[in-house]
Amino acid sequence: MKFTTLAIRTWRFFSMIAVFGTSIYSYSLFSADVGVHFDAFGKADEFIGKSDVFYILVALIVANNVLFPALGRQLIKLPSHLLPIPNQTEWTAQRDDLNEHIQNWIFSLVAMINTIIAMTVFVLATVNNEFTFKIGDFEGLFYLIVILLLIIVLALPIRLMIKPKVEEL
């Protein structure tokens, strides 16, 4: 197993633990109404119920951890000529490497979405309980999330533009 594959699987495993842990932790901190929109002064002005937040979280977690990996398993089963990839003839000859790149990409995306959900739920629980942090303290989180998602989404197309290494026997 390659180091990158091990690192991505480890990240995915720990991101699942983090998203479940922060969900349980935040559920215990939420009051009956959870502020989900904040005005310019950092005060909540729109609320939804605690149980609604829980059901939305469960739907996001299930969709992310079940549906995306299932999509990845189906992509791996497709014939190479149906995949819209550059250097298609070279990658067809190295199908095992192509499958590993696709699976790693899907697992990276799943791990990143789990990490984003965990961070978002933690921030939501923190600002709703009026600890020392306010909503303005987390402004940079949006930009960090966008940059990381762009890196992961663009990683596979960039990697597939590079021709695979031909293994000599």
Protein backbone atom coordinates (compact mmCIF):
# COMPACT_ATOMS: atom_id res chain seq x y z
CA MET A 1 0.00 0.00 0.00
CA LYS A 2 1.32 3.42 -0.93
CA PHE A 3 1.90 6.05 1.72
CA THR A 4 -0.65 8.43 0.18
CA THR A 5 -3.33 5.74 0.22
CA LEU A 6 -2.60 4.99 3.87
CA ALA A 7 -2.64 8.68 4.78
CA ILE A 8 -5.95 9.31 3.00
CA ARG A 9 -7.61 6.28 4.59
CA THR A 10 -6.33 7.35 8.02
CA TRP A 11 -7.64 10.87 7.47
CA ARG A 12 -11.02 9.50 6.40
CA PHE A 13 -11.20 7.26 9.49
CA PHE A 14 -10.34 10.06 11.90
CA SER A 15 -12.65 12.50 10.13
CA MET A 16 -15.55 10.08 10.65
CA ILE A 17 -14.71 9.88 14.36
CA ALA A 18 -14.44 13.68 14.50
CA VAL A 19 -17.77 14.30 12.79
CA PHE A 20 -19.60 11.84 15.05
CA GLY A 21 -17.84 13.15 18.15
CA THR A 22 -18.54 16.81 17.44
CA SER A 23 -22.14 16.00 16.53
CA ILE A 24 -22.74 14.31 19.88
CA TYR A 25 -20.81 17.02 21.75
CA SER A 26 -22.68 19.86 20.06
CA TYR A 27 -26.07 18.21 20.50
CA SER A 28 -25.48 18.19 24.25
CA LEU A 29 -24.62 21.91 24.16
CA PHE A 30 -27.45 23.15 21.95
CA SER A 31 -30.48 24.77 23.52
CA ALA A 32 -33.96 24.08 22.16
CA ASP A 33 -33.46 26.69 19.42
CA VAL A 34 -30.15 26.92 17.59
CA GLY A 35 -29.07 30.18 15.98
CA VAL A 36 -28.07 29.56 12.38
CA HIS A 37 -27.90 33.11 10.99
CA PHE A 38 -26.21 36.05 12.64
CA ASP A 39 -26.57 39.81 12.16
CA ALA A 40 -23.73 42.30 11.75
CA PHE A 41 -23.24 42.47 15.52
CA GLY A 42 -22.83 38.70 15.90
CA LYS A 43 -26.26 38.08 17.44
CA ALA A 44 -28.39 35.22 16.18
CA ASP A 45 -31.43 36.40 14.24
CA GLU A 46 -32.67 33.14 12.68
CA PHE A 47 -33.19 29.90 14.56
CA ILE A 48 -34.05 26.28 13.90
CA GLY A 49 -34.87 23.53 16.34
CA LYS A 50 -32.25 21.34 17.97
CA SER A 51 -33.80 18.19 16.51
CA ASP A 52 -33.82 19.73 13.01
CA VAL A 53 -30.09 20.38 13.28
CA PHE A 54 -29.59 16.77 14.37
CA TYR A 55 -31.58 15.36 11.43
CA ILE A 56 -29.77 17.59 8.94
CA LEU A 57 -26.44 16.40 10.36
CA VAL A 58 -27.44 12.76 10.14
CA ALA A 59 -28.54 13.21 6.51
CA LEU A 60 -25.27 14.94 5.60
CA ILE A 61 -23.15 12.33 7.35
CA VAL A 62 -24.97 9.39 5.77
CA ALA A 63 -24.94 10.95 2.30
CA ASN A 64 -21.27 11.75 2.57
CA ASN A 65 -20.05 8.48 4.06
CA VAL A 66 -22.30 6.10 2.14
CA LEU A 67 -23.25 7.68 -1.19
CA PHE A 68 -19.90 9.19 -2.22
CA PRO A 69 -17.90 6.00 -1.60
CA ALA A 70 -20.59 4.04 -3.49
CA LEU A 71 -20.17 6.46 -6.40
CA GLY A 72 -16.43 5.88 -6.24
CA ARG A 73 -16.88 2.11 -6.39
CA GLN A 74 -19.04 2.53 -9.50
CA LEU A 75 -16.49 4.83 -11.17
CA ILE A 76 -13.82 2.18 -10.72
CA LYS A 77 -16.01 -0.39 -12.47
CA LEU A 78 -16.50 1.76 -15.59
CA PRO A 79 -14.48 0.82 -18.67
CA SER A 80 -11.55 3.17 -19.27
CA HIS A 81 -12.88 4.48 -22.57
CA LEU A 82 -15.97 5.87 -20.80
CA LEU A 83 -13.96 7.91 -18.29
CA PRO A 84 -13.28 11.50 -19.40
CA ILE A 85 -9.56 11.50 -18.62
CA PRO A 86 -6.54 12.90 -20.41
CA ASN A 87 -3.87 10.46 -21.60
CA GLN A 88 -6.55 7.81 -21.79
CA THR A 89 -4.51 5.16 -23.60
CA GLU A 90 -1.66 5.40 -21.09
CA TRP A 91 -4.02 5.24 -18.11
CA THR A 92 -5.89 2.29 -19.63
CA ALA A 93 -2.64 0.32 -19.59
CA GLN A 94 -2.16 1.26 -15.91
CA ARG A 95 -5.74 0.63 -14.76
CA ASP A 96 -4.77 -0.37 -11.21
CA ASP A 97 -3.01 2.96 -10.67
CA LEU A 98 -5.96 4.81 -12.18
CA ASN A 99 -8.37 3.00 -9.85
CA GLU A 100 -6.19 3.86 -6.87
CA HIS A 101 -6.11 7.56 -7.84
CA ILE A 102 -9.88 7.67 -8.29
CA GLN A 103 -10.51 5.91 -4.98
CA ASN A 104 -8.04 8.14 -3.14
CA TRP A 105 -9.69 11.21 -4.65
CA ILE A 106 -13.16 10.11 -3.55
CA PHE A 107 -11.92 9.24 -0.05
CA SER A 108 -10.13 12.61 0.18
CA LEU A 109 -13.32 14.38 -0.78
CA VAL A 110 -15.29 12.39 1.80
CA ALA A 111 -12.69 13.10 4.50
CA MET A 112 -12.66 16.81 3.64
CA ILE A 113 -16.45 17.06 3.79
CA ASN A 114 -16.44 15.20 7.13
CA THR A 115 -13.81 17.62 8.41
CA ILE A 116 -15.84 20.61 7.21
CA ILE A 117 -19.00 19.29 8.85
CA ALA A 118 -17.13 18.66 12.11
CA MET A 119 -15.62 22.16 12.12
CA THR A 120 -18.93 23.80 11.22
CA VAL A 121 -20.87 21.97 13.92
CA PHE A 122 -18.19 22.79 16.49
CA VAL A 123 -18.30 26.48 15.53
CA LEU A 124 -22.10 26.47 15.63
CA ALA A 125 -22.10 24.95 19.10
CA THR A 126 -19.43 27.37 20.26
CA VAL A 127 -21.13 30.56 19.10
CA ASN A 128 -24.56 29.43 20.28
CA ASN A 129 -23.33 28.97 23.83
CA GLU A 130 -21.64 32.35 23.95
CA PHE A 131 -18.27 31.16 25.09
CA THR A 132 -15.43 33.64 24.69
CA PHE A 133 -15.67 33.20 20.90
CA LYS A 134 -18.05 35.15 18.69
CA ILE A 135 -19.08 34.46 15.11
CA GLY A 136 -16.57 37.03 13.85
CA ASP A 137 -13.71 34.96 15.27
CA PHE A 138 -14.38 32.27 12.66
CA GLU A 139 -14.48 34.44 9.51
CA GLY A 140 -11.30 32.92 8.08
CA LEU A 141 -12.75 29.41 8.25
CA PHE A 142 -14.81 30.00 5.11
CA TYR A 143 -11.75 30.87 3.05
CA LEU A 144 -9.81 27.92 4.41
CA ILE A 145 -12.65 25.55 3.48
CA VAL A 146 -12.92 26.94 -0.05
CA ILE A 147 -9.16 26.68 -0.64
CA LEU A 148 -8.95 23.10 0.67
CA LEU A 149 -11.95 21.98 -1.39
CA LEU A 150 -10.47 23.53 -4.52
CA ILE A 151 -7.17 21.75 -3.91
CA ILE A 152 -8.89 18.38 -3.52
CA VAL A 153 -11.29 18.83 -6.43
CA LEU A 154 -8.48 19.88 -8.79
CA ALA A 155 -5.98 17.27 -7.58
CA LEU A 156 -7.34 14.35 -9.63
CA PRO A 157 -7.59 16.14 -12.99
CA ILE A 158 -4.09 17.55 -12.53
CA ARG A 159 -2.70 14.13 -11.58
CA LEU A 160 -4.37 12.47 -14.55
CA MET A 161 -2.83 15.01 -16.93
CA ILE A 162 0.55 13.60 -15.95
CA LYS A 163 1.26 10.36 -17.78
CA PRO A 164 1.51 7.30 -15.54
CA LYS A 165 4.83 5.70 -14.80
CA VAL A 166 5.34 2.57 -16.88
CA GLU A 167 6.55 -0.32 -14.77
CA GLU A 168 9.26 -2.34 -16.41
CA LEU A 169 9.30 -6.08 -15.92
